[in-house]
Amino acid sequence: EVQLVESGGGLVQTGGSLILSCTVSGFNYDDYAIGWFRQASGTEREGVSCISTTDGSTYYADSVKGRFTMSRDNAKETVYLQMNSLKPEDTAVYYCNRNPPNWSWGQGTLVTVSS
């Protein structure tokens, strides 16, 4: 059974930074692209970024491009999301999953950006 554990969220002021972590267990880590997703209150979940398991290439939504950086540590079976220059509109619960998402969602980690 695949387990996803997200961590690293918190309260930060506009312009601040956070690093999110997602540990994935229960599957062959190298077989899938992994994505970060977020869901703000009252909105649908949206894709934020993803990373290839083959060449490490990354993709970012336009809304976070240039501010967020996704990386992975295969040995630790963990992916990261470095978030800089945070804006109030980045406030959401952040999740990781396969890309496209196909596993059960974890609990996510809440990021709150105050203005």
Protein backbone atom coordinates (compact mmCIF):
# COMPACT_ATOMS: atom_id res chain seq x y z
CA GLU A 1 0.00 0.00 0.00
CA VAL A 2 1.36 3.38 -1.00
CA GLN A 3 1.66 5.91 1.80
CA LEU A 4 2.19 9.61 1.31
CA VAL A 5 3.32 11.82 4.17
CA GLU A 6 3.55 15.54 3.57
CA SER A 7 5.17 17.93 6.01
CA GLY A 8 6.74 21.35 6.29
CA GLY A 9 3.73 23.62 6.08
CA GLY A 10 3.11 26.51 8.39
CA LEU A 11 2.31 30.19 8.72
CA VAL A 12 4.55 32.61 6.88
CA GLN A 13 4.36 36.25 5.89
CA THR A 14 4.12 37.45 2.31
CA GLY A 15 7.51 37.15 0.69
CA GLY A 16 8.62 34.39 3.00
CA SER A 17 9.80 30.87 2.23
CA LEU A 18 8.94 27.31 3.19
CA ILE A 19 10.23 23.89 2.22
CA LEU A 20 7.69 21.10 1.95
CA SER A 21 8.63 17.43 2.07
CA CYS A 22 6.76 14.38 0.86
CA THR A 23 7.88 10.89 1.76
CA VAL A 24 6.46 8.16 -0.41
CA SER A 25 6.59 4.55 0.66
CA GLY A 26 5.17 1.29 -0.58
CA PHE A 27 6.06 1.43 -4.24
CA ASN A 28 8.98 1.53 -6.61
CA TYR A 29 9.99 5.13 -6.31
CA ASP A 30 11.61 5.34 -9.69
CA ASP A 31 8.60 4.21 -11.66
CA TYR A 32 6.42 7.29 -11.51
CA ALA A 33 6.49 11.02 -11.92
CA ILE A 34 5.62 12.73 -8.65
CA GLY A 35 3.65 15.92 -8.38
CA TRP A 36 2.76 18.54 -5.83
CA PHE A 37 -0.85 19.65 -5.74
CA ARG A 38 -2.71 22.18 -3.66
CA GLN A 39 -6.25 22.92 -2.66
CA ALA A 40 -7.37 26.26 -1.32
CA SER A 41 -10.57 26.53 0.67
CA GLY A 42 -13.58 26.35 -1.61
CA THR A 43 -11.60 25.50 -4.73
CA GLU A 44 -10.67 22.39 -6.63
CA ARG A 45 -7.30 20.75 -6.20
CA GLU A 46 -4.78 21.96 -8.73
CA GLY A 47 -1.39 20.81 -9.91
CA VAL A 48 1.56 22.91 -8.82
CA SER A 49 4.61 21.05 -10.05
CA CYS A 50 5.92 17.64 -10.97
CA ILE A 51 9.23 15.91 -11.38
CA SER A 52 10.23 13.15 -13.73
CA THR A 53 11.64 9.98 -12.22
CA THR A 54 13.79 9.34 -15.25
CA ASP A 55 15.74 12.52 -15.87
CA GLY A 56 14.65 14.75 -13.00
CA SER A 57 13.08 17.30 -15.29
CA THR A 58 10.48 19.49 -13.67
CA TYR A 59 7.28 21.25 -14.62
CA TYR A 60 5.64 24.19 -12.86
CA ALA A 61 2.28 25.85 -13.07
CA ASP A 62 2.48 29.41 -14.36
CA SER A 63 1.31 30.72 -11.01
CA VAL A 64 4.42 29.41 -9.22
CA LYS A 65 7.02 29.41 -11.97
CA GLY A 66 10.17 31.20 -10.87
CA ARG A 67 9.21 31.02 -7.19
CA PHE A 68 8.88 27.29 -6.47
CA THR A 69 11.49 24.60 -7.03
CA MET A 70 10.79 20.89 -6.86
CA SER A 71 13.49 18.34 -6.18
CA ARG A 72 13.81 14.73 -5.09
CA ASP A 73 16.08 12.48 -3.09
CA ASN A 74 15.63 8.96 -4.39
CA ALA A 75 17.61 7.40 -1.57
CA LYS A 76 15.25 8.95 0.96
CA GLU A 77 12.18 8.38 -1.24
CA THR A 78 11.33 12.00 -0.67
CA VAL A 79 10.40 14.91 -2.86
CA TYR A 80 10.66 18.52 -1.83
CA LEU A 81 9.05 21.78 -2.77
CA GLN A 82 11.06 24.90 -2.06
CA MET A 83 8.64 27.80 -2.01
CA ASN A 84 10.01 31.33 -2.15
CA SER A 85 8.39 34.74 -2.48
CA LEU A 86 5.17 33.35 -1.09
CA LYS A 87 1.94 35.19 -1.73
CA PRO A 88 -1.41 35.08 0.08
CA GLU A 89 -2.85 33.26 -2.94
CA ASP A 90 -0.45 30.39 -2.24
CA THR A 91 -2.44 29.63 0.91
CA ALA A 92 -3.71 26.07 0.57
CA VAL A 93 -3.30 22.51 1.73
CA TYR A 94 -0.45 20.99 -0.26
CA TYR A 95 -0.38 17.34 -1.28
CA CYS A 96 1.91 15.06 -3.21
CA ASN A 97 0.85 12.19 -5.43
CA ARG A 98 1.70 10.46 -8.63
CA ASN A 99 1.37 12.63 -11.68
CA PRO A 100 -1.30 12.28 -12.88
CA PRO A 101 -2.68 11.49 -9.42
CA ASN A 102 -3.74 7.89 -8.92
CA TRP A 103 -2.97 7.05 -5.29
CA SER A 104 -5.06 7.75 -2.25
CA TRP A 105 -4.36 11.25 -1.01
CA GLY A 106 -2.38 11.84 2.15
CA GLN A 107 -3.36 14.34 4.82
CA GLY A 108 -1.49 17.15 3.17
CA THR A 109 0.28 20.02 4.85
CA LEU A 110 -1.27 23.44 5.35
CA VAL A 111 0.51 26.52 4.09
CA THR A 112 -0.86 29.86 5.22
CA VAL A 113 0.59 33.06 3.84
CA SER A 114 -0.43 36.19 5.69
CA SER A 115 -0.62 39.56 3.95
